[in-house]
Amino acid sequence: MTQRLDQQVASPDGMRVMGNVHQYVTKSDLPLNLINLVYLRVSQINGCPYCIAMHWRELMKGNVPSAKLMLLSVWRQVDGLFTGKERAALQWAESLTLISQTGAPDADYRTAIAQFDEKQLVDLTIAIGVINTYNRLGIGFRRTPEGLNVTVSHPQSASIEA
């Protein structure tokens, strides 16, 4: 399946606003690798090939160990690889991304607020919201990963062609 439309062309002002929110998040006092870990995990949950490829590349540039990238989808089962702050951020990200199922439980909030101050937690929540919006744009308009010969066949999967 080919890309349905180019959101940058169709709504440059809307995409500029989205970019401004993303820039705000990346300039917050949250570590950039933490933001990208959250972005990658949320993108994995939502099944956005474009965002998965982008944030995987960003984490590689940030010298995140390959084991973290490989085991991110099963972070709850891996002891010692993810810091307490990363675990709290990933738990909060999953809770909010799957909010219709989770309702953002008090336990997840308590875990997050124990690791982040109030401003950081709001900024993290903004980051989670912005990547969920970018995922919906990428999936909805079938945006494919740049630099890969990929055909998006379904919003939850992609096939890589040799």
Foldseek 3Di string as FASTA:
>chain_A
DDFQDDCCVVCVPVVVVLVVLVVVLPPDPDDPLLLLLLLLQLCLVQQQQASVVVSVVVNVVVVQDVVCVVCSNVVVVDPPRDDLQSVLLNLQLVCVSVCVVRVRDPVSVVSNCVNDPPVNVVSSVSSSVSSSVVLCVRLVRVPHHPPFQWDDPHSNDIDGDD
